[in-house]
């Protein structure tokens, strides 16, 4: 009787573990994925607000228009581009991930503030509604996400210090004649 199991008739081969490349580790970084998604989201909602203002012929005063343009050009765009450049540079130098993360968060906040400014031009009540219902919870989350990593490192240092302080001390013994005396 012949063996009908096809897998049993084929020679077995060993599976070699592939070392994960830097690019694969870079693509699997959750902060990068978050940064990419938020940048796309911020660009879409800001462009949508601008198109809404153009289509409905909502005019902005010259002073406020200058303020919107300068805030976008001076803060929002450089932080967004800096974040993208740092993430691309982080493929080879992993130490740049922290800076890219920081620039991305600043860019996301400025993008949301820019969006709220555009909403204020459309309707002050809409801007207030969106700011209170979306902005406040997002800012609370932002504060914890920015402070959290440094707070975590501080808590780890404090825990390690307490482990060191509470570590039992070694006790040596000195023998003198027939008795032993413990030295502390």
C-alpha atoms as a PDB file:
ATOM      1  CA  UNK A   1       0.000   0.000   0.000  1.00  0.00           C
ATOM      2  CA  UNK A   2       1.377   3.412  -0.943  1.00  0.00           C
ATOM      3  CA  UNK A   3       1.293   6.499   1.175  1.00  0.00           C
ATOM      4  CA  UNK A   4      -1.438   8.858  -0.086  1.00  0.00           C
ATOM      5  CA  UNK A   5      -0.309  11.768   2.054  1.00  0.00           C
ATOM      6  CA  UNK A   6       1.301  14.215  -0.385  1.00  0.00           C
ATOM      7  CA  UNK A   7       3.068  16.152   2.347  1.00  0.00           C
ATOM      8  CA  UNK A   8       4.707  12.983   3.649  1.00  0.00           C
ATOM      9  CA  UNK A   9       6.171  12.124   0.245  1.00  0.00           C
ATOM     10  CA  UNK A  10       7.829  15.519  -0.270  1.00  0.00           C
ATOM     11  CA  UNK A  11      11.175  16.230   1.344  1.00  0.00           C
ATOM     12  CA  UNK A  12      11.042  18.351   4.447  1.00  0.00           C
ATOM     13  CA  UNK A  13      12.843  21.633   4.461  1.00  0.00           C
ATOM     14  CA  UNK A  14      13.837  23.802   7.333  1.00  0.00           C
ATOM     15  CA  UNK A  15      12.201  27.156   7.762  1.00  0.00           C
ATOM     16  CA  UNK A  16      14.762  29.865   8.192  1.00  0.00           C
ATOM     17  CA  UNK A  17      13.952  32.863  10.311  1.00  0.00           C
ATOM     18  CA  UNK A  18      14.320  36.036   8.365  1.00  0.00           C
ATOM     19  CA  UNK A  19      15.842  38.868  10.285  1.00  0.00           C
ATOM     20  CA  UNK A  20      13.429  41.756  10.292  1.00  0.00           C
ATOM     21  CA  UNK A  21      14.701  44.591   8.168  1.00  0.00           C
ATOM     22  CA  UNK A  22      14.788  48.175   9.325  1.00  0.00           C
ATOM     23  CA  UNK A  23      12.110  49.088   6.808  1.00  0.00           C
ATOM     24  CA  UNK A  24       9.740  46.425   8.134  1.00  0.00           C
ATOM     25  CA  UNK A  25      10.284  47.556  11.723  1.00  0.00           C
ATOM     26  CA  UNK A  26       9.761  51.147  10.578  1.00  0.00           C
ATOM     27  CA  UNK A  27       6.469  50.311   8.850  1.00  0.00           C
ATOM     28  CA  UNK A  28       5.198  48.404  11.894  1.00  0.00           C
ATOM     29  CA  UNK A  29       5.824  51.375  14.218  1.00  0.00           C
ATOM     30  CA  UNK A  30       2.451  52.356  15.702  1.00  0.00           C
ATOM     31  CA  UNK A  31       3.471  56.000  16.122  1.00  0.00           C
ATOM     32  CA  UNK A  32       4.295  56.194  12.421  1.00  0.00           C
ATOM     33  CA  UNK A  33       0.946  54.650  11.483  1.00  0.00           C
ATOM     34  CA  UNK A  34      -0.863  57.088  13.776  1.00  0.00           C
ATOM     35  CA  UNK A  35       1.123  60.023  12.407  1.00  0.00           C
ATOM     36  CA  UNK A  36       0.383  59.048   8.810  1.00  0.00           C
ATOM     37  CA  UNK A  37      -3.345  58.601   9.447  1.00  0.00           C
ATOM     38  CA  UNK A  38      -3.666  61.868  11.379  1.00  0.00           C
ATOM     39  CA  UNK A  39      -1.768  63.855   8.751  1.00  0.00           C
ATOM     40  CA  UNK A  40      -4.066  62.538   6.021  1.00  0.00           C
ATOM     41  CA  UNK A  41      -7.128  63.255   8.188  1.00  0.00           C
ATOM     42  CA  UNK A  42      -6.027  66.811   9.016  1.00  0.00           C
ATOM     43  CA  UNK A  43      -5.234  67.609   5.389  1.00  0.00           C
ATOM     44  CA  UNK A  44      -8.627  66.283   4.257  1.00  0.00           C
ATOM     45  CA  UNK A  45     -10.715  68.192   6.803  1.00  0.00           C
ATOM     46  CA  UNK A  46      -8.793  71.441   6.263  1.00  0.00           C
ATOM     47  CA  UNK A  47      -9.125  71.214   2.481  1.00  0.00           C
ATOM     48  CA  UNK A  48     -12.807  70.368   2.877  1.00  0.00           C
ATOM     49  CA  UNK A  49     -13.370  73.448   5.062  1.00  0.00           C
ATOM     50  CA  UNK A  50     -11.548  75.668   2.566  1.00  0.00           C
ATOM     51  CA  UNK A  51     -13.581  74.255  -0.343  1.00  0.00           C
ATOM     52  CA  UNK A  52     -16.791  74.797   1.631  1.00  0.00           C
ATOM     53  CA  UNK A  53     -15.841  78.421   2.188  1.00  0.00           C
ATOM     54  CA  UNK A  54     -15.041  78.900  -1.521  1.00  0.00           C
ATOM     55  CA  UNK A  55     -18.229  77.193  -2.761  1.00  0.00           C
ATOM     56  CA  UNK A  56     -20.506  79.085  -0.378  1.00  0.00           C
ATOM     57  CA  UNK A  57     -18.662  82.371  -0.931  1.00  0.00           C
ATOM     58  CA  UNK A  58     -17.827  82.891   2.723  1.00  0.00           C
ATOM     59  CA  UNK A  59     -15.474  85.838   2.936  1.00  0.00           C
ATOM     60  CA  UNK A  60     -12.820  86.352   5.547  1.00  0.00           C
ATOM     61  CA  UNK A  61     -11.561  89.751   6.638  1.00  0.00           C
ATOM     62  CA  UNK A  62      -8.109  90.680   5.402  1.00  0.00           C
ATOM     63  CA  UNK A  63      -6.571  90.718   8.869  1.00  0.00           C
ATOM     64  CA  UNK A  64      -7.950  87.289   9.754  1.00  0.00           C
ATOM     65  CA  UNK A  65      -6.998  85.926   6.348  1.00  0.00           C
ATOM     66  CA  UNK A  66      -3.429  87.053   6.941  1.00  0.00           C
ATOM     67  CA  UNK A  67      -3.475  85.425  10.386  1.00  0.00           C
ATOM     68  CA  UNK A  68      -4.767  82.122   8.942  1.00  0.00           C
ATOM     69  CA  UNK A  69      -2.176  82.136   6.182  1.00  0.00           C
ATOM     70  CA  UNK A  70       0.722  82.931   8.493  1.00  0.00           C
ATOM     71  CA  UNK A  71      -0.315  80.347  11.088  1.00  0.00           C
ATOM     72  CA  UNK A  72      -0.503  77.698   8.396  1.00  0.00           C
ATOM     73  CA  UNK A  73       2.777  78.661   6.727  1.00  0.00           C
ATOM     74  CA  UNK A  74       4.857  79.352   9.838  1.00  0.00           C
ATOM     75  CA  UNK A  75       3.753  76.556  12.174  1.00  0.00           C
ATOM     76  CA  UNK A  76       1.517  73.911  10.583  1.00  0.00           C
ATOM     77  CA  UNK A  77       3.343  73.176   7.329  1.00  0.00           C
ATOM     78  CA  UNK A  78       6.925  73.177   8.694  1.00  0.00           C
ATOM     79  CA  UNK A  79       5.981  70.866  11.568  1.00  0.00           C
ATOM     80  CA  UNK A  80       4.161  68.506   9.205  1.00  0.00           C
ATOM     81  CA  UNK A  81       7.027  68.453   6.712  1.00  0.00           C
ATOM     82  CA  UNK A  82       9.577  68.133   9.517  1.00  0.00           C
ATOM     83  CA  UNK A  83       7.686  65.161  10.895  1.00  0.00           C
ATOM     84  CA  UNK A  84       7.611  63.462   7.491  1.00  0.00           C
ATOM     85  CA  UNK A  85      11.318  64.097   6.899  1.00  0.00           C
ATOM     86  CA  UNK A  86      12.223  62.790  10.358  1.00  0.00           C
ATOM     87  CA  UNK A  87      10.119  59.643   9.898  1.00  0.00           C
ATOM     88  CA  UNK A  88      11.850  58.934   6.580  1.00  0.00           C
ATOM     89  CA  UNK A  89      15.243  59.552   8.210  1.00  0.00           C
ATOM     90  CA  UNK A  90      14.246  57.224  11.043  1.00  0.00           C
ATOM     91  CA  UNK A  91      14.451  54.266   8.668  1.00  0.00           C
ATOM     92  CA  UNK A  92      18.189  54.202   9.206  1.00  0.00           C
ATOM     93  CA  UNK A  93      18.532  56.138  12.474  1.00  0.00           C
ATOM     94  CA  UNK A  94      15.979  54.947  15.029  1.00  0.00           C
ATOM     95  CA  UNK A  95      16.911  57.693  17.493  1.00  0.00           C
ATOM     96  CA  UNK A  96      14.985  60.191  15.321  1.00  0.00           C
ATOM     97  CA  UNK A  97      11.631  58.514  16.059  1.00  0.00           C
ATOM     98  CA  UNK A  98      11.095  60.551  19.220  1.00  0.00           C
ATOM     99  CA  UNK A  99      11.624  63.838  17.403  1.00  0.00           C
ATOM    100  CA  UNK A 100       9.357  62.751  14.567  1.00  0.00           C
ATOM    101  CA  UNK A 101       6.708  61.813  17.120  1.00  0.00           C
ATOM    102  CA  UNK A 102       6.934  65.246  18.768  1.00  0.00           C
ATOM    103  CA  UNK A 103       6.819  67.158  15.473  1.00  0.00           C
ATOM    104  CA  UNK A 104       3.853  65.037  14.371  1.00  0.00           C
ATOM    105  CA  UNK A 105       1.889  65.833  17.527  1.00  0.00           C
ATOM    106  CA  UNK A 106       2.574  69.547  17.172  1.00  0.00           C
ATOM    107  CA  UNK A 107       1.517  69.365  13.530  1.00  0.00           C
ATOM    108  CA  UNK A 108      -1.713  67.554  14.394  1.00  0.00           C
ATOM    109  CA  UNK A 109      -2.592  70.120  17.033  1.00  0.00           C
ATOM    110  CA  UNK A 110      -1.881  73.007  14.723  1.00  0.00           C
ATOM    111  CA  UNK A 111      -3.926  71.321  11.994  1.00  0.00           C
ATOM    112  CA  UNK A 112      -6.866  70.988  14.358  1.00  0.00           C
ATOM    113  CA  UNK A 113      -6.513  74.603  15.497  1.00  0.00           C
ATOM    114  CA  UNK A 114      -6.373  75.701  11.856  1.00  0.00           C
ATOM    115  CA  UNK A 115      -9.541  73.674  11.221  1.00  0.00           C
ATOM    116  CA  UNK A 116     -11.270  75.343  14.179  1.00  0.00           C
ATOM    117  CA  UNK A 117     -10.266  78.745  12.823  1.00  0.00           C
ATOM    118  CA  UNK A 118     -11.784  77.859   9.453  1.00  0.00           C
ATOM    119  CA  UNK A 119     -14.940  76.635  11.189  1.00  0.00           C
ATOM    120  CA  UNK A 120     -15.088  79.907  13.097  1.00  0.00           C
ATOM    121  CA  UNK A 121     -15.101  81.739   9.771  1.00  0.00           C
ATOM    122  CA  UNK A 122     -18.005  79.544   8.638  1.00  0.00           C
ATOM    123  CA  UNK A 123     -19.976  79.665  11.881  1.00  0.00           C
ATOM    124  CA  UNK A 124     -18.816  80.617  15.389  1.00  0.00           C
ATOM    125  CA  UNK A 125     -21.401  78.282  16.931  1.00  0.00           C
ATOM    126  CA  UNK A 126     -20.167  75.365  14.847  1.00  0.00           C
ATOM    127  CA  UNK A 127     -16.586  76.065  15.902  1.00  0.00           C
ATOM    128  CA  UNK A 128     -17.642  76.192  19.555  1.00  0.00           C
ATOM    129  CA  UNK A 129     -19.606  72.961  19.215  1.00  0.00           C
ATOM    130  CA  UNK A 130     -16.770  71.110  17.510  1.00  0.00           C
ATOM    131  CA  UNK A 131     -14.190  72.594  19.868  1.00  0.00           C
ATOM    132  CA  UNK A 132     -16.062  71.485  22.971  1.00  0.00           C
ATOM    133  CA  UNK A 133     -17.162  68.064  21.755  1.00  0.00           C
ATOM    134  CA  UNK A 134     -14.036  67.063  19.867  1.00  0.00           C
ATOM    135  CA  UNK A 135     -11.333  69.482  20.904  1.00  0.00           C
ATOM    136  CA  UNK A 136     -11.496  69.170  24.657  1.00  0.00           C
ATOM    137  CA  UNK A 137     -11.323  65.341  24.804  1.00  0.00           C
ATOM    138  CA  UNK A 138      -8.587  65.358  22.166  1.00  0.00           C
ATOM    139  CA  UNK A 139      -6.550  67.888  24.118  1.00  0.00           C
ATOM    140  CA  UNK A 140      -6.884  65.860  27.314  1.00  0.00           C
ATOM    141  CA  UNK A 141      -5.698  62.775  25.435  1.00  0.00           C
ATOM    142  CA  UNK A 142      -2.906  64.819  23.860  1.00  0.00           C
ATOM    143  CA  UNK A 143      -1.653  66.033  27.213  1.00  0.00           C
ATOM    144  CA  UNK A 144      -1.547  62.503  28.616  1.00  0.00           C
ATOM    145  CA  UNK A 145       0.154  61.130  25.513  1.00  0.00           C
ATOM    146  CA  UNK A 146       2.823  63.821  25.593  1.00  0.00           C
ATOM    147  CA  UNK A 147       3.450  63.601  29.334  1.00  0.00           C
ATOM    148  CA  UNK A 148       2.891  59.855  29.629  1.00  0.00           C
ATOM    149  CA  UNK A 149       6.194  58.565  28.208  1.00  0.00           C
ATOM    150  CA  UNK A 150       8.313  60.842  30.416  1.00  0.00           C
ATOM    151  CA  UNK A 151       6.095  60.091  33.405  1.00  0.00           C
ATOM    152  CA  UNK A 152       6.511  56.358  32.731  1.00  0.00           C
ATOM    153  CA  UNK A 153      10.307  56.701  32.669  1.00  0.00           C
ATOM    154  CA  UNK A 154      10.220  58.653  35.924  1.00  0.00           C
ATOM    155  CA  UNK A 155       8.048  55.989  37.562  1.00  0.00           C
ATOM    156  CA  UNK A 156      10.437  53.263  36.375  1.00  0.00           C
ATOM    157  CA  UNK A 157      13.408  55.153  37.832  1.00  0.00           C
ATOM    158  CA  UNK A 158      11.562  55.589  41.117  1.00  0.00           C
ATOM    159  CA  UNK A 159      10.672  51.870  41.204  1.00  0.00           C
ATOM    160  CA  UNK A 160      14.290  50.881  40.513  1.00  0.00           C
ATOM    161  CA  UNK A 161      15.494  53.234  43.248  1.00  0.00           C
ATOM    162  CA  UNK A 162      13.095  51.684  45.777  1.00  0.00           C
ATOM    163  CA  UNK A 163      14.231  48.201  44.746  1.00  0.00           C
ATOM    164  CA  UNK A 164      17.809  49.280  45.375  1.00  0.00           C
ATOM    165  CA  UNK A 165      16.987  50.834  48.772  1.00  0.00           C
ATOM    166  CA  UNK A 166      14.937  47.859  49.947  1.00  0.00           C
ATOM    167  CA  UNK A 167      17.420  45.272  48.705  1.00  0.00           C
ATOM    168  CA  UNK A 168      18.539  43.090  51.606  1.00  0.00           C
ATOM    169  CA  UNK A 169      22.074  43.867  52.708  1.00  0.00           C
ATOM    170  CA  UNK A 170      24.603  41.085  52.880  1.00  0.00           C
ATOM    171  CA  UNK A 171      25.625  40.171  56.404  1.00  0.00           C
ATOM    172  CA  UNK A 172      29.209  39.152  57.070  1.00  0.00           C
ATOM    173  CA  UNK A 173      30.327  36.988  60.014  1.00  0.00           C
ATOM    174  CA  UNK A 174      33.521  37.279  62.002  1.00  0.00           C
ATOM    175  CA  UNK A 175      34.762  34.248  63.908  1.00  0.00           C
ATOM    176  CA  UNK A 176      36.561  34.750  67.211  1.00  0.00           C
ATOM    177  CA  UNK A 177      37.425  31.653  69.003  1.00  0.00           C
ATOM    178  CA  UNK A 178      34.363  29.543  69.605  1.00  0.00           C
ATOM    179  CA  UNK A 179      31.606  32.143  69.023  1.00  0.00           C
ATOM    180  CA  UNK A 180      30.431  33.889  65.905  1.00  0.00           C
ATOM    181  CA  UNK A 181      29.433  37.488  65.956  1.00  0.00           C
ATOM    182  CA  UNK A 182      27.363  39.071  63.197  1.00  0.00           C
ATOM    183  CA  UNK A 183      28.571  42.368  61.801  1.00  0.00           C
ATOM    184  CA  UNK A 184      26.073  44.753  60.261  1.00  0.00           C
END
